[in-house]
PDB file of N, CA and C in Angstrom:
ATOM      1  N   LYS A   1     -21.530   0.293  -1.212  1.00  0.00           N
ATOM      2  CA  LYS A   1     -20.724  -0.521  -2.274  1.00  0.00           C
ATOM      3  C   LYS A   1     -19.311  -0.585  -1.997  1.00  0.00           C
ATOM      4  N   TRP A   2     -19.145  -0.311  -0.615  1.00  0.00           N
ATOM      5  CA  TRP A   2     -17.667  -0.705   0.091  1.00  0.00           C
ATOM      6  C   TRP A   2     -17.578  -2.069   0.310  1.00  0.00           C
ATOM      7  N   ASN A   3     -16.798  -2.765  -0.525  1.00  0.00           N
ATOM      8  CA  ASN A   3     -16.715  -4.176  -0.095  1.00  0.00           C
ATOM      9  C   ASN A   3     -15.350  -4.757  -0.341  1.00  0.00           C
ATOM     10  N   PRO A   4     -14.952  -5.532   0.937  1.00  0.00           N
ATOM     11  CA  PRO A   4     -13.693  -5.616   1.265  1.00  0.00           C
ATOM     12  C   PRO A   4     -13.138  -6.688   0.169  1.00  0.00           C
ATOM     13  N   TYR A   5     -14.244  -7.507  -0.711  1.00  0.00           N
ATOM     14  CA  TYR A   5     -13.605  -8.322  -1.664  1.00  0.00           C
ATOM     15  C   TYR A   5     -13.177  -7.398  -2.964  1.00  0.00           C
ATOM     16  N   ARG A   6     -13.952  -6.147  -3.224  1.00  0.00           N
ATOM     17  CA  ARG A   6     -13.212  -5.440  -4.343  1.00  0.00           C
ATOM     18  C   ARG A   6     -11.815  -4.878  -3.902  1.00  0.00           C
ATOM     19  N   LEU A   7     -11.622  -4.602  -2.491  1.00  0.00           N
ATOM     20  CA  LEU A   7     -10.482  -4.294  -2.410  1.00  0.00           C
ATOM     21  C   LEU A   7      -9.178  -5.288  -2.473  1.00  0.00           C
ATOM     22  N   ALA A   8      -9.810  -6.373  -2.216  1.00  0.00           N
ATOM     23  CA  ALA A   8      -8.664  -7.702  -2.507  1.00  0.00           C
ATOM     24  C   ALA A   8      -8.560  -7.742  -4.148  1.00  0.00           C
ATOM     25  N   ALA A   9      -9.557  -7.683  -4.848  1.00  0.00           N
ATOM     26  CA  ALA A   9      -9.333  -7.756  -6.235  1.00  0.00           C
ATOM     27  C   ALA A   9      -8.415  -6.563  -6.514  1.00  0.00           C
ATOM     28  N   GLY A  10      -8.470  -5.447  -6.138  1.00  0.00           N
ATOM     29  CA  GLY A  10      -7.728  -4.239  -6.563  1.00  0.00           C
ATOM     30  C   GLY A  10      -6.356  -4.457  -6.117  1.00  0.00           C
ATOM     31  N   ALA A  11      -5.968  -5.181  -4.954  1.00  0.00           N
ATOM     32  CA  ALA A  11      -4.555  -5.674  -4.473  1.00  0.00           C
ATOM     33  C   ALA A  11      -4.011  -6.537  -5.416  1.00  0.00           C
ATOM     34  N   ILE A  12      -4.917  -7.643  -5.744  1.00  0.00           N
ATOM     35  CA  ILE A  12      -4.180  -8.661  -6.463  1.00  0.00           C
ATOM     36  C   ILE A  12      -3.961  -7.932  -7.775  1.00  0.00           C
ATOM     37  N   LEU A  13      -4.757  -7.103  -8.501  1.00  0.00           N
ATOM     38  CA  LEU A  13      -4.686  -6.505  -9.634  1.00  0.00           C
ATOM     39  C   LEU A  13      -3.265  -5.499  -9.828  1.00  0.00           C
ATOM     40  N   PHE A  14      -2.851  -5.034  -8.560  1.00  0.00           N
ATOM     41  CA  PHE A  14      -1.884  -4.177  -8.423  1.00  0.00           C
ATOM     42  C   PHE A  14      -0.318  -5.070  -8.394  1.00  0.00           C
ATOM     43  N   GLY A  15      -0.821  -6.052  -7.634  1.00  0.00           N
ATOM     44  CA  GLY A  15       0.447  -7.082  -7.563  1.00  0.00           C
ATOM     45  C   GLY A  15       0.718  -7.851  -9.068  1.00  0.00           C
ATOM     46  N   PHE A  16      -0.407  -8.089  -9.552  1.00  0.00           N
ATOM     47  CA  PHE A  16      -0.242  -8.649 -11.123  1.00  0.00           C
ATOM     48  C   PHE A  16       0.633  -7.870 -12.106  1.00  0.00           C
ATOM     49  N   VAL A  17       0.120  -6.515 -11.971  1.00  0.00           N
ATOM     50  CA  VAL A  17       0.688  -5.537 -12.962  1.00  0.00           C
ATOM     51  C   VAL A  17       2.091  -5.225 -12.552  1.00  0.00           C
ATOM     52  N   ASN A  18       2.362  -5.237 -10.903  1.00  0.00           N
ATOM     53  CA  ASN A  18       3.742  -5.086 -10.735  1.00  0.00           C
ATOM     54  C   ASN A  18       4.754  -6.351 -11.176  1.00  0.00           C
ATOM     55  N   ALA A  19       4.229  -7.314 -11.065  1.00  0.00           N
ATOM     56  CA  ALA A  19       4.958  -8.682 -11.393  1.00  0.00           C
ATOM     57  C   ALA A  19       5.296  -8.625 -13.148  1.00  0.00           C
ATOM     58  N   ILE A  20       4.136  -8.107 -13.782  1.00  0.00           N
ATOM     59  CA  ILE A  20       4.179  -7.827 -15.266  1.00  0.00           C
ATOM     60  C   ILE A  20       5.399  -6.973 -15.591  1.00  0.00           C
ATOM     61  N   GLN A  21       5.366  -5.733 -14.722  1.00  0.00           N
ATOM     62  CA  GLN A  21       6.368  -4.791 -14.987  1.00  0.00           C
ATOM     63  C   GLN A  21       7.938  -5.268 -14.834  1.00  0.00           C
ATOM     64  N   LEU A  22       7.981  -6.144 -13.835  1.00  0.00           N
ATOM     65  CA  LEU A  22       9.394  -6.713 -13.779  1.00  0.00           C
ATOM     66  C   LEU A  22       9.768  -7.485 -14.939  1.00  0.00           C
ATOM     67  N   ARG A  23       8.761  -8.329 -14.992  1.00  0.00           N
ATOM     68  CA  ARG A  23       8.987  -9.053 -16.355  1.00  0.00           C
ATOM     69  C   ARG A  23       9.422  -8.106 -17.575  1.00  0.00           C
ATOM     70  N   MET A  24       8.645  -7.159 -17.866  1.00  0.00           N
ATOM     71  CA  MET A  24       8.902  -6.354 -18.982  1.00  0.00           C
ATOM     72  C   MET A  24      10.384  -5.727 -18.942  1.00  0.00           C
ATOM     73  N   GLN A  25      10.734  -5.447 -17.707  1.00  0.00           N
ATOM     74  CA  GLN A  25      12.041  -4.581 -17.598  1.00  0.00           C
ATOM     75  C   GLN A  25      13.109  -5.846 -17.760  1.00  0.00           C
ATOM     76  N   ALA A  26      12.749  -6.875 -17.493  1.00  0.00           N
ATOM     77  CA  ALA A  26      13.821  -8.204 -17.950  1.00  0.00           C
ATOM     78  C   ALA A  26      14.210  -8.093 -19.593  1.00  0.00           C
ATOM     79  N   MET A  27      12.664  -8.087 -20.108  1.00  0.00           N
ATOM     80  CA  MET A  27      12.700  -8.523 -21.261  1.00  0.00           C
ATOM     81  C   MET A  27      12.895  -7.231 -22.389  1.00  0.00           C
ATOM     82  N   ALA A  28      12.575  -6.004 -21.708  1.00  0.00           N
ATOM     83  CA  ALA A  28      12.958  -4.774 -23.032  1.00  0.00           C
ATOM     84  C   ALA A  28      14.550  -4.434 -22.522  1.00  0.00           C
ATOM     85  N   GLY A  29      14.839  -4.733 -21.717  1.00  0.00           N
ATOM     86  CA  GLY A  29      16.423  -4.307 -21.411  1.00  0.00           C
ATOM     87  C   GLY A  29      16.568  -2.662 -21.430  1.00  0.00           C
ATOM     88  N   GLN A  30      17.172  -2.043 -22.396  1.00  0.00           N
ATOM     89  CA  GLN A  30      17.610  -0.844 -22.760  1.00  0.00           C
ATOM     90  C   GLN A  30      16.436  -0.231 -23.553  1.00  0.00           C
ATOM     91  N   MET A  31      15.473  -0.960 -24.352  1.00  0.00           N
ATOM     92  CA  MET A  31      14.748  -0.511 -25.329  1.00  0.00           C
ATOM     93  C   MET A  31      13.832   0.483 -24.671  1.00  0.00           C
ATOM     94  N   VAL A  32      13.183   0.462 -23.286  1.00  0.00           N
ATOM     95  CA  VAL A  32      12.155   1.369 -22.711  1.00  0.00           C
ATOM     96  C   VAL A  32      13.067   1.803 -21.400  1.00  0.00           C
ATOM     97  N   ALA A  33      12.577   2.870 -21.043  1.00  0.00           N
ATOM     98  CA  ALA A  33      13.172   3.434 -19.931  1.00  0.00           C
ATOM     99  C   ALA A  33      12.533   2.670 -18.715  1.00  0.00           C
ATOM    100  N   TYR A  34      13.576   2.244 -17.674  1.00  0.00           N
ATOM    101  CA  TYR A  34      12.647   1.637 -16.420  1.00  0.00           C
ATOM    102  C   TYR A  34      11.882   2.247 -15.691  1.00  0.00           C
ATOM    103  N   GLN A  35      11.929   3.646 -15.841  1.00  0.00           N
ATOM    104  CA  GLN A  35      11.143   4.348 -14.970  1.00  0.00           C
ATOM    105  C   GLN A  35       9.546   4.599 -15.674  1.00  0.00           C
ATOM    106  N   ILE A  36       9.564   4.345 -16.758  1.00  0.00           N
ATOM    107  CA  ILE A  36       8.238   4.108 -17.523  1.00  0.00           C
ATOM    108  C   ILE A  36       7.552   2.898 -16.821  1.00  0.00           C
ATOM    109  N   LEU A  37       8.216   1.784 -17.046  1.00  0.00           N
ATOM    110  CA  LEU A  37       7.700   0.703 -16.618  1.00  0.00           C
ATOM    111  C   LEU A  37       7.480   0.418 -15.186  1.00  0.00           C
ATOM    112  N   LEU A  38       8.391   1.289 -14.372  1.00  0.00           N
ATOM    113  CA  LEU A  38       7.709   1.397 -12.988  1.00  0.00           C
ATOM    114  C   LEU A  38       6.447   1.964 -12.307  1.00  0.00           C
ATOM    115  N   MET A  39       6.086   3.038 -13.597  1.00  0.00           N
ATOM    116  CA  MET A  39       4.795   3.454 -13.387  1.00  0.00           C
ATOM    117  C   MET A  39       3.747   2.801 -13.478  1.00  0.00           C
ATOM    118  N   LEU A  40       3.820   1.836 -14.448  1.00  0.00           N
ATOM    119  CA  LEU A  40       2.702   1.037 -14.873  1.00  0.00           C
ATOM    120  C   LEU A  40       1.454   0.754 -13.906  1.00  0.00           C
ATOM    121  N   PRO A  41       1.983  -0.222 -12.761  1.00  0.00           N
ATOM    122  CA  PRO A  41       0.993  -0.352 -11.709  1.00  0.00           C
ATOM    123  C   PRO A  41       0.186   0.606 -11.243  1.00  0.00           C
ATOM    124  N   TYR A  42       0.970   1.771 -10.858  1.00  0.00           N
ATOM    125  CA  TYR A  42       0.332   3.207 -10.432  1.00  0.00           C
ATOM    126  C   TYR A  42      -0.528   3.760 -11.267  1.00  0.00           C
ATOM    127  N   LEU A  43      -0.376   3.942 -12.572  1.00  0.00           N
ATOM    128  CA  LEU A  43      -1.100   4.377 -13.679  1.00  0.00           C
ATOM    129  C   LEU A  43      -2.205   3.781 -13.673  1.00  0.00           C
ATOM    130  N   LEU A  44      -2.407   2.244 -13.707  1.00  0.00           N
ATOM    131  CA  LEU A  44      -3.339   1.544 -13.939  1.00  0.00           C
ATOM    132  C   LEU A  44      -4.306   1.476 -12.857  1.00  0.00           C
ATOM    133  N   CYS A  45      -3.780   1.586 -11.574  1.00  0.00           N
ATOM    134  CA  CYS A  45      -4.903   1.810 -10.344  1.00  0.00           C
ATOM    135  C   CYS A  45      -5.253   2.982 -10.497  1.00  0.00           C
ATOM    136  N   ILE A  46      -4.581   4.129 -10.780  1.00  0.00           N
ATOM    137  CA  ILE A  46      -5.422   5.534 -11.108  1.00  0.00           C
ATOM    138  C   ILE A  46      -6.487   5.437 -11.962  1.00  0.00           C
ATOM    139  N   VAL A  47      -6.300   4.870 -13.259  1.00  0.00           N
ATOM    140  CA  VAL A  47      -7.282   4.571 -13.972  1.00  0.00           C
ATOM    141  C   VAL A  47      -8.353   3.915 -13.713  1.00  0.00           C
ATOM    142  N   VAL A  48      -8.297   2.675 -13.140  1.00  0.00           N
ATOM    143  CA  VAL A  48      -9.402   1.956 -12.764  1.00  0.00           C
ATOM    144  C   VAL A  48      -9.941   2.297 -11.375  1.00  0.00           C
ATOM    145  N   LEU A  49      -9.390   3.181 -10.547  1.00  0.00           N
ATOM    146  CA  LEU A  49      -9.858   3.682  -9.497  1.00  0.00           C
ATOM    147  C   LEU A  49     -10.948   5.153  -9.830  1.00  0.00           C
ATOM    148  N   THR A  50     -10.620   5.728 -11.074  1.00  0.00           N
ATOM    149  CA  THR A  50     -11.402   6.632 -11.758  1.00  0.00           C
ATOM    150  C   THR A  50     -12.502   6.199 -12.143  1.00  0.00           C
ATOM    151  N   MET A  51     -12.357   5.139 -12.940  1.00  0.00           N
ATOM    152  CA  MET A  51     -13.411   4.400 -13.522  1.00  0.00           C
ATOM    153  C   MET A  51     -14.603   3.917 -12.466  1.00  0.00           C
ATOM    154  N   VAL A  52     -14.067   3.001 -11.728  1.00  0.00           N
ATOM    155  CA  VAL A  52     -14.970   2.603 -10.826  1.00  0.00           C
ATOM    156  C   VAL A  52     -15.586   3.692  -9.592  1.00  0.00           C
ATOM    157  N   SER A  53     -14.840   4.511  -9.347  1.00  0.00           N
ATOM    158  CA  SER A  53     -15.478   5.600  -7.983  1.00  0.00           C
ATOM    159  C   SER A  53     -16.577   6.543  -8.944  1.00  0.00           C
ATOM    160  N   ARG A  54     -16.773   6.595 -10.142  1.00  0.00           N
ATOM    161  CA  ARG A  54     -18.012   7.236 -10.636  1.00  0.00           C
ATOM    162  C   ARG A  54     -19.161   6.518 -10.453  1.00  0.00           C
ATOM    163  N   LYS A  55     -19.398   5.391 -10.184  1.00  0.00           N
ATOM    164  CA  LYS A  55     -20.616   4.637  -9.835  1.00  0.00           C
ATOM    165  C   LYS A  55     -20.609   4.329  -8.296  1.00  0.00           C
ATOM    166  N   ALA A  56     -19.430   4.542  -7.736  1.00  0.00           N
ATOM    167  CA  ALA A  56     -19.531   4.102  -6.257  1.00  0.00           C
ATOM    168  C   ALA A  56     -20.161   5.291  -5.295  1.00  0.00           C
ATOM    169  N   GLY A  57     -20.829   4.800  -4.351  1.00  0.00           N
ATOM    170  CA  GLY A  57     -21.540   5.646  -3.423  1.00  0.00           C
ATOM    171  C   GLY A  57     -21.111   4.962  -1.973  1.00  0.00           C
ATOM    172  N   GLY A  58     -20.937   5.968  -1.280  1.00  0.00           N
ATOM    173  CA  GLY A  58     -20.602   5.797   0.116  1.00  0.00           C
ATOM    174  C   GLY A  58     -21.667   5.460   1.135  1.00  0.00           C
ATOM    175  N   PRO A  59     -21.544   4.824   2.325  1.00  0.00           N
ATOM    176  CA  PRO A  59     -22.600   4.628   3.144  1.00  0.00           C
ATOM    177  C   PRO A  59     -23.182   5.934   3.369  1.00  0.00           C
ATOM    178  N   ALA A  60     -24.549   5.784   3.773  1.00  0.00           N
ATOM    179  CA  ALA A  60     -25.521   6.917   4.133  1.00  0.00           C
ATOM    180  C   ALA A  60     -25.120   7.625   5.219  1.00  0.00           C
ATOM    181  N   ASN A  61     -24.749   7.262   6.239  1.00  0.00           N
ATOM    182  CA  ASN A  61     -24.274   7.920   7.441  1.00  0.00           C
ATOM    183  C   ASN A  61     -22.916   8.701   7.608  1.00  0.00           C
ATOM    184  N   LEU A  62     -22.124   8.398   6.374  1.00  0.00           N
ATOM    185  CA  LEU A  62     -20.900   8.875   6.596  1.00  0.00           C
ATOM    186  C   LEU A  62     -20.490  10.296   6.727  1.00  0.00           C
ATOM    187  N   CYS A  63     -19.647  10.620   7.633  1.00  0.00           N
ATOM    188  CA  CYS A  63     -19.635  12.271   8.086  1.00  0.00           C
ATOM    189  C   CYS A  63     -20.709  12.641   8.913  1.00  0.00           C
ATOM    190  N   VAL A  64     -21.590  12.154   9.279  1.00  0.00           N
ATOM    191  CA  VAL A  64     -22.759  12.411  10.073  1.00  0.00           C
ATOM    192  C   VAL A  64     -22.354  12.310  11.486  1.00  0.00           C
ATOM    193  N   PRO A  65     -22.081  13.479  12.367  1.00  0.00           N
ATOM    194  CA  PRO A  65     -21.820  13.118  13.787  1.00  0.00           C
ATOM    195  C   PRO A  65     -22.857  12.265  14.501  1.00  0.00           C
ATOM    196  N   TYR A  66     -22.394  11.546  15.457  1.00  0.00           N
ATOM    197  CA  TYR A  66     -23.182  10.430  16.149  1.00  0.00           C
ATOM    198  C   TYR A  66     -23.503  11.357  17.462  1.00  0.00           C
ATOM    199  N   LYS A  67     -24.765  11.399  17.571  1.00  0.00           N
ATOM    200  CA  LYS A  67     -25.291  11.924  19.084  1.00  0.00           C
ATOM    201  C   LYS A  67     -25.969  10.933  19.772  1.00  0.00           C
ATOM    202  N   ARG A  68     -25.514  10.982  20.864  1.00  0.00           N
ATOM    203  CA  ARG A  68     -26.062   9.742  21.756  1.00  0.00           C
ATOM    204  C   ARG A  68     -27.447  10.372  22.445  1.00  0.00           C
ATOM    205  N   GLU A  69     -28.488   9.623  22.489  1.00  0.00           N
ATOM    206  CA  GLU A  69     -29.584  10.308  23.059  1.00  0.00           C
ATOM    207  C   GLU A  69     -29.783   9.860  24.699  1.00  0.00           C
TER     208      GLU A  69
END
């Protein structure tokens, strides 16, 4: 289930949330600490990766040494 399209979707999601937090910083002003808003993209990625990784499986021969015959 290792797919480059899923990787691209994750990168787009991270960029989108990063853009949203910049807008929220401009709108919120002093109401919310900017450090909390800076954490949003990273926290969302950790949550999404945790949820997705439960179902994901790696390639069958991952970490199996190659022996030339």
